[in-house]
Amino acid sequence: MDTVAAYNHSGAATPPSWGRVRRSRYVADRALKIICTLFTALGAFALGWILLMLLVEGIGGLSPAVFTETTPGPGTEGGGIANAIVGSLILTVLGILVATPIGVLAGTYLAEYGKGSKLAAVIRFVNDILLAAPSILIGLFVYMLMVEPMGGYSGWAGGVALAIIAVPVIVRSTEDMLRLVPGSLREAGAALGAPMSTVIVKISWKAARAGMVTGVILATARIAGETAPLLFTALNNSFWFSPNLMGGVSNLPVTIYQFALAPYQNWRELAWAGALIITLSILALSIVARLLLKKDQVR
C-alpha cells in the first residue's frame, strides 16, 4: 500500500505489478466465461437431443385411437391411452384441489402473520425438506397412511400423495409473491380502518394474484408427470376409473413406465406417445405460468 501511495502521490507511472494483475484477472474472467458457455451448450445439447428423440418417437405413435381407446391387453394390437389420460387428469386435479387452499393459507401465514416467529421458522424448515424430499418416500408414506388402512389402492390416496408434493411449491410461491407487495398498500388499508383479514384478501391477495396463480400452475406441472408416488397409491389398471376412485386408477406416468418395459411394439409406441403428451402438457403449463408472471411484472 505504501508503494502504491508513493507512486500515485509522485505522479509516476503505474507499478509494473498492476499490469500483471489486470492480465491475470482478464485471463481468469475469460476462462470462466468459456467454461460456463461450454457447459451451457452441453446442457442445451443434451436437452435438445432428448426433446428431438421424444418428438420423433412420440409423433410416430400418435393416432386418433390414442385419445379414444383404452389401454390394450398383452399381445393385442392397437389400443390407446384414453383411460390413462383421463385418470391422470382426475388425479392431478384432485391433488391441486387439496394442495391449493393449504398452500395458499400457509404461505399467507408465513408472509403476513408469522414474520420472525419461531413457528414460521419451523414451517419454512419443514417446507424446504418437503421441496427436496424424494417423491417415492411420499408415496410410501401415503401407502402406510391410507392404502393399508383402506385395504387397497385408490385414486384418493394418489391425489393425497400428489397434493403433498404440490403443497411446498404453492407455499413458497405464495409467500414470495406476498412479500413483494409494498407495505404501503397494507398501511393504506389499515389506515382506512380495515381489519388485517380484509387487507390480506382485498389488497395483498389481489396485488399478488398473478404470482400466486403462477405458483399453482407450476405445482400442477410439477405433479403431472410423477410416477413413483402413484406406484404406491393409485397403481394402475386397463379400464376407465370407477366413480368412487377405489381400486387402481389408470394414469399416464405408470402406464408409460409399464409399457416402455414391455416386449410388445404397440405398447412401446403408446409409451412414447404418452411421454410426448405429458411433455407438451407440462411445457404448455410452464409457458402459461411465465406469461402470467411476466404480465404481473409489467404491471
Protein backbone atom coordinates (compact mmCIF):
# COMPACT_ATOMS: atom_id res chain seq x y z
CA MET A 1 0.00 0.00 0.00
CA ASP A 2 2.85 2.42 0.80
CA THR A 3 4.45 1.70 -2.57
CA VAL A 4 1.17 2.31 -4.45
CA ALA A 5 0.56 5.52 -2.49
CA ALA A 6 4.06 6.70 -3.28
CA TYR A 7 3.54 6.06 -6.99
CA ASN A 8 0.20 7.90 -7.01
CA HIS A 9 1.49 10.84 -4.96
CA SER A 10 4.55 11.34 -7.09
CA GLY A 11 2.60 11.07 -10.35
CA ALA A 12 4.88 8.30 -11.56
CA ALA A 13 3.83 5.54 -13.91
CA THR A 14 1.65 2.66 -12.75
CA PRO A 15 3.65 -0.02 -10.89
CA PRO A 16 4.66 -2.94 -13.13
CA SER A 17 2.72 -5.39 -10.91
CA TRP A 18 -0.58 -3.71 -11.80
CA GLY A 19 -0.36 -4.78 -15.41
CA ARG A 20 0.24 -8.39 -14.40
CA VAL A 21 -2.75 -8.27 -12.02
CA ARG A 22 -5.02 -6.89 -14.72
CA ARG A 23 -3.86 -9.52 -17.22
CA SER A 24 -4.39 -12.37 -14.73
CA ARG A 25 -7.90 -11.09 -13.91
CA TYR A 26 -8.72 -10.80 -17.60
CA VAL A 27 -7.49 -14.34 -18.27
CA ALA A 28 -9.46 -15.71 -15.31
CA ASP A 29 -12.61 -13.88 -16.43
CA ARG A 30 -12.32 -15.16 -20.00
CA ALA A 31 -11.59 -18.71 -18.84
CA LEU A 32 -14.65 -18.76 -16.55
CA LYS A 33 -16.83 -17.34 -19.32
CA ILE A 34 -15.64 -20.00 -21.76
CA ILE A 35 -16.21 -22.80 -19.22
CA CYS A 36 -19.74 -21.55 -18.42
CA THR A 37 -20.57 -21.25 -22.11
CA LEU A 38 -19.30 -24.76 -22.84
CA PHE A 39 -21.32 -26.35 -20.04
CA THR A 40 -24.41 -24.35 -21.03
CA ALA A 41 -24.04 -25.57 -24.59
CA LEU A 42 -23.55 -29.14 -23.31
CA GLY A 43 -26.75 -28.95 -21.25
CA ALA A 44 -28.70 -27.41 -24.13
CA PHE A 45 -27.41 -30.11 -26.49
CA ALA A 46 -28.44 -32.92 -24.13
CA LEU A 47 -31.88 -31.37 -23.60
CA GLY A 48 -32.36 -30.79 -27.32
CA TRP A 49 -31.35 -34.37 -28.07
CA ILE A 50 -33.89 -35.72 -25.60
CA LEU A 51 -36.66 -33.50 -26.94
CA LEU A 52 -35.84 -34.36 -30.55
CA MET A 53 -35.90 -38.09 -29.81
CA LEU A 54 -39.18 -37.65 -27.93
CA LEU A 55 -40.72 -35.79 -30.86
CA VAL A 56 -39.56 -38.32 -33.45
CA GLU A 57 -40.69 -41.36 -31.49
CA GLY A 58 -43.78 -39.76 -29.93
CA ILE A 59 -45.27 -38.35 -33.13
CA GLY A 60 -44.88 -41.76 -34.73
CA GLY A 61 -47.05 -43.29 -32.01
CA LEU A 62 -49.81 -40.66 -32.12
CA SER A 63 -53.14 -41.53 -33.72
CA PRO A 64 -56.83 -40.83 -33.06
CA ALA A 65 -57.04 -44.17 -31.25
CA VAL A 66 -54.60 -42.89 -28.62
CA PHE A 67 -57.26 -40.46 -27.38
CA THR A 68 -60.33 -42.66 -27.86
CA GLU A 69 -59.44 -46.24 -26.90
CA THR A 70 -58.39 -47.81 -23.62
CA THR A 71 -55.04 -49.43 -22.99
CA PRO A 72 -54.67 -52.78 -24.82
CA GLY A 73 -54.09 -56.11 -23.17
CA PRO A 74 -50.87 -58.12 -23.53
CA GLY A 75 -50.31 -59.39 -27.05
CA THR A 76 -53.24 -57.49 -28.58
CA GLU A 77 -52.98 -54.99 -31.41
CA GLY A 78 -53.96 -51.32 -31.47
CA GLY A 79 -55.41 -49.68 -28.42
CA GLY A 80 -54.91 -46.24 -26.87
CA ILE A 81 -54.35 -44.47 -23.59
CA ALA A 82 -57.60 -42.53 -23.25
CA ASN A 83 -58.35 -44.04 -19.83
CA ALA A 84 -54.83 -43.21 -18.64
CA ILE A 85 -55.15 -39.59 -19.81
CA VAL A 86 -58.48 -39.15 -18.03
CA GLY A 87 -57.16 -40.85 -14.91
CA SER A 88 -54.11 -38.56 -14.81
CA LEU A 89 -56.32 -35.51 -15.19
CA ILE A 90 -58.51 -36.64 -12.30
CA LEU A 91 -55.56 -37.37 -10.00
CA THR A 92 -53.83 -34.11 -10.86
CA VAL A 93 -56.98 -32.02 -10.35
CA LEU A 94 -57.68 -33.83 -7.08
CA GLY A 95 -54.14 -33.18 -5.86
CA ILE A 96 -54.29 -29.48 -6.77
CA LEU A 97 -57.73 -29.05 -5.18
CA VAL A 98 -56.33 -30.42 -1.92
CA ALA A 99 -52.98 -28.60 -2.10
CA THR A 100 -54.10 -25.12 -3.19
CA PRO A 101 -56.04 -23.97 -0.09
CA ILE A 102 -53.45 -25.49 2.24
CA GLY A 103 -50.52 -23.97 0.36
CA VAL A 104 -52.10 -20.53 -0.09
CA LEU A 105 -53.18 -20.23 3.54
CA ALA A 106 -49.83 -21.49 4.86
CA GLY A 107 -47.93 -19.10 2.57
CA THR A 108 -50.19 -16.26 3.68
CA TYR A 109 -49.47 -17.02 7.34
CA LEU A 110 -45.73 -17.02 6.72
CA ALA A 111 -45.82 -13.72 4.82
CA GLU A 112 -48.43 -11.81 6.84
CA TYR A 113 -48.75 -13.22 10.35
CA GLY A 114 -45.63 -15.22 11.12
CA LYS A 115 -42.88 -12.71 10.40
CA GLY A 116 -39.98 -13.53 12.70
CA SER A 117 -41.89 -16.10 14.78
CA LYS A 118 -40.39 -19.44 15.75
CA LEU A 119 -43.41 -21.32 14.39
CA ALA A 120 -42.92 -19.69 10.99
CA ALA A 121 -39.24 -20.69 11.01
CA VAL A 122 -40.20 -24.30 11.74
CA ILE A 123 -42.81 -24.28 8.96
CA ARG A 124 -40.28 -22.90 6.46
CA PHE A 125 -37.77 -25.56 7.50
CA VAL A 126 -40.32 -28.38 7.06
CA ASN A 127 -41.45 -26.87 3.76
CA ASP A 128 -37.87 -26.84 2.46
CA ILE A 129 -37.50 -30.50 3.44
CA LEU A 130 -40.68 -31.39 1.55
CA LEU A 131 -39.44 -29.50 -1.50
CA ALA A 132 -36.34 -31.68 -1.62
CA ALA A 133 -37.92 -34.93 -0.44
CA PRO A 134 -37.86 -37.84 -2.94
CA SER A 135 -41.36 -38.41 -4.27
CA ILE A 136 -41.07 -42.15 -3.72
CA LEU A 137 -40.81 -41.55 0.03
CA ILE A 138 -44.00 -39.51 -0.07
CA GLY A 139 -45.68 -42.36 -1.93
CA LEU A 140 -44.51 -44.83 0.71
CA PHE A 141 -45.76 -42.51 3.48
CA VAL A 142 -49.24 -42.27 1.91
CA TYR A 143 -49.22 -46.04 1.36
CA MET A 144 -48.78 -46.57 5.11
CA LEU A 145 -51.24 -43.76 5.92
CA MET A 146 -54.10 -44.60 3.53
CA VAL A 147 -53.58 -47.65 1.31
CA GLU A 148 -53.01 -50.21 4.06
CA PRO A 149 -55.83 -48.97 6.36
CA MET A 150 -58.26 -48.73 3.41
CA GLY A 151 -57.34 -52.21 2.23
CA GLY A 152 -56.29 -51.35 -1.32
CA TYR A 153 -55.08 -48.82 -3.83
CA SER A 154 -57.27 -45.83 -4.65
CA GLY A 155 -57.38 -42.57 -6.52
CA TRP A 156 -57.89 -40.79 -3.20
CA ALA A 157 -54.51 -41.96 -1.96
CA GLY A 158 -52.94 -40.94 -5.26
CA GLY A 159 -54.48 -37.47 -5.01
CA VAL A 160 -53.21 -37.04 -1.45
CA ALA A 161 -49.68 -38.09 -2.47
CA LEU A 162 -49.67 -35.58 -5.32
CA ALA A 163 -51.07 -32.90 -3.01
CA ILE A 164 -48.21 -33.40 -0.54
CA ILE A 165 -45.75 -32.85 -3.40
CA ALA A 166 -47.60 -29.73 -4.61
CA VAL A 167 -48.10 -28.03 -1.24
CA PRO A 168 -44.50 -26.85 -0.65
CA VAL A 169 -44.33 -25.35 -4.15
CA ILE A 170 -47.52 -23.34 -3.55
CA VAL A 171 -46.41 -22.32 -0.05
CA ARG A 172 -43.08 -20.98 -1.28
CA SER A 173 -44.53 -19.12 -4.28
CA THR A 174 -47.38 -17.62 -2.23
CA GLU A 175 -45.03 -16.37 0.48
CA ASP A 176 -42.58 -14.91 -2.04
CA MET A 177 -45.31 -13.14 -4.02
CA LEU A 178 -46.94 -11.66 -0.90
CA ARG A 179 -43.59 -10.39 0.33
CA LEU A 180 -43.26 -8.42 -2.91
CA VAL A 181 -46.45 -6.48 -2.17
CA PRO A 182 -45.44 -2.99 -0.94
CA GLY A 183 -46.08 -2.41 2.74
CA SER A 184 -47.59 0.97 1.93
CA LEU A 185 -50.62 -0.80 0.42
CA ARG A 186 -51.23 -2.63 3.67
CA GLU A 187 -50.77 0.55 5.65
CA ALA A 188 -53.27 2.36 3.44
CA GLY A 189 -55.86 -0.34 4.05
CA ALA A 190 -55.22 -0.31 7.80
CA ALA A 191 -55.48 3.49 7.84
CA LEU A 192 -59.00 3.20 6.42
CA GLY A 193 -59.95 1.01 9.37
CA ALA A 194 -59.97 -2.35 7.53
CA PRO A 195 -59.09 -5.36 9.67
CA MET A 196 -56.00 -7.35 8.74
CA SER A 197 -58.03 -10.17 7.20
CA THR A 198 -59.72 -7.71 4.85
CA VAL A 199 -56.38 -6.11 3.97
CA ILE A 200 -54.97 -9.53 3.08
CA VAL A 201 -57.94 -10.66 0.99
CA LYS A 202 -58.78 -7.37 -0.73
CA ILE A 203 -55.30 -5.88 -1.12
CA SER A 204 -52.43 -8.36 -0.65
CA TRP A 205 -54.03 -11.30 -2.46
CA LYS A 206 -55.31 -9.06 -5.24
CA ALA A 207 -51.90 -7.47 -5.77
CA ALA A 208 -50.12 -10.85 -5.77
CA ARG A 209 -52.85 -12.73 -7.64
CA ALA A 210 -50.89 -13.39 -10.84
CA GLY A 211 -47.86 -14.67 -8.96
CA MET A 212 -49.97 -16.91 -6.74
CA VAL A 213 -51.78 -18.39 -9.75
CA THR A 214 -48.38 -18.94 -11.34
CA GLY A 215 -47.30 -20.94 -8.30
CA VAL A 216 -50.39 -23.14 -8.56
CA ILE A 217 -49.72 -23.74 -12.27
CA LEU A 218 -46.08 -24.61 -11.58
CA ALA A 219 -47.20 -27.03 -8.87
CA THR A 220 -49.59 -28.62 -11.38
CA ALA A 221 -46.73 -29.05 -13.83
CA ARG A 222 -44.62 -30.49 -11.01
CA ILE A 223 -47.04 -33.30 -10.17
CA ALA A 224 -48.39 -34.02 -13.66
CA GLY A 225 -45.57 -36.40 -14.51
CA GLU A 226 -44.93 -38.02 -11.12
CA THR A 227 -44.67 -41.79 -11.27
CA ALA A 228 -43.12 -43.05 -8.04
CA PRO A 229 -45.83 -41.93 -5.58
CA LEU A 230 -48.58 -43.35 -7.82
CA LEU A 231 -46.93 -46.78 -7.81
CA PHE A 232 -47.66 -46.95 -4.07
CA THR A 233 -51.08 -45.30 -4.07
CA ALA A 234 -53.19 -45.33 -7.26
CA LEU A 235 -51.16 -48.01 -9.06
CA ASN A 236 -52.77 -48.63 -12.48
CA ASN A 237 -55.28 -50.67 -14.49
CA SER A 238 -56.53 -51.08 -18.06
CA PHE A 239 -60.05 -49.73 -17.54
CA TRP A 240 -61.91 -46.49 -17.02
CA PHE A 241 -61.91 -45.18 -13.45
CA SER A 242 -64.73 -46.06 -11.12
CA PRO A 243 -66.79 -43.15 -9.69
CA ASN A 244 -65.64 -43.86 -6.12
CA LEU A 245 -61.96 -43.95 -7.23
CA MET A 246 -61.41 -47.15 -5.27
CA GLY A 247 -59.06 -49.79 -6.65
CA GLY A 248 -56.33 -48.98 -9.11
CA VAL A 249 -56.76 -45.84 -11.22
CA SER A 250 -55.23 -45.77 -14.68
CA ASN A 251 -52.77 -42.91 -15.16
CA LEU A 252 -50.23 -41.84 -17.75
CA PRO A 253 -46.96 -41.91 -15.75
CA VAL A 254 -47.37 -45.51 -14.55
CA THR A 255 -48.74 -46.61 -17.93
CA ILE A 256 -45.67 -45.16 -19.66
CA TYR A 257 -43.41 -46.89 -17.14
CA GLN A 258 -45.07 -50.27 -17.67
CA PHE A 259 -45.45 -50.02 -21.45
CA ALA A 260 -41.88 -48.83 -22.03
CA LEU A 261 -40.54 -52.03 -20.44
CA ALA A 262 -42.96 -54.33 -22.28
CA PRO A 263 -41.92 -56.62 -25.17
CA TYR A 264 -44.88 -55.51 -27.32
CA GLN A 265 -44.28 -52.99 -30.09
CA ASN A 266 -47.66 -51.25 -29.83
CA TRP A 267 -47.16 -50.83 -26.07
CA ARG A 268 -43.81 -49.13 -26.62
CA GLU A 269 -45.34 -46.85 -29.25
CA LEU A 270 -48.10 -45.88 -26.82
CA ALA A 271 -45.45 -45.22 -24.16
CA TRP A 272 -43.67 -42.76 -26.48
CA ALA A 273 -46.99 -41.10 -27.36
CA GLY A 274 -47.88 -40.76 -23.68
CA ALA A 275 -44.47 -39.29 -22.85
CA LEU A 276 -44.91 -36.72 -25.62
CA ILE A 277 -48.38 -35.78 -24.34
CA ILE A 278 -47.10 -35.27 -20.80
CA THR A 279 -44.12 -33.24 -22.01
CA LEU A 280 -46.25 -30.96 -24.17
CA SER A 281 -48.75 -30.51 -21.34
CA ILE A 282 -46.02 -29.52 -18.86
CA LEU A 283 -44.48 -27.22 -21.48
CA ALA A 284 -47.83 -25.52 -22.02
CA LEU A 285 -48.35 -25.05 -18.27
CA SER A 286 -44.84 -23.62 -17.88
CA ILE A 287 -45.41 -21.15 -20.73
CA VAL A 288 -48.70 -20.01 -19.21
CA ALA A 289 -47.02 -19.56 -15.83
CA ARG A 290 -44.22 -17.47 -17.34
CA LEU A 291 -46.68 -15.31 -19.27
CA LEU A 292 -48.72 -14.65 -16.14
CA LEU A 293 -45.61 -13.78 -14.14
CA LYS A 294 -44.30 -11.53 -16.91
CA LYS A 295 -47.66 -9.77 -17.14
CA ASP A 296 -47.64 -9.19 -13.39
CA GLN A 297 -44.10 -7.76 -13.51
CA VAL A 298 -45.03 -5.38 -16.35
CA ARG A 299 -47.96 -4.02 -14.36
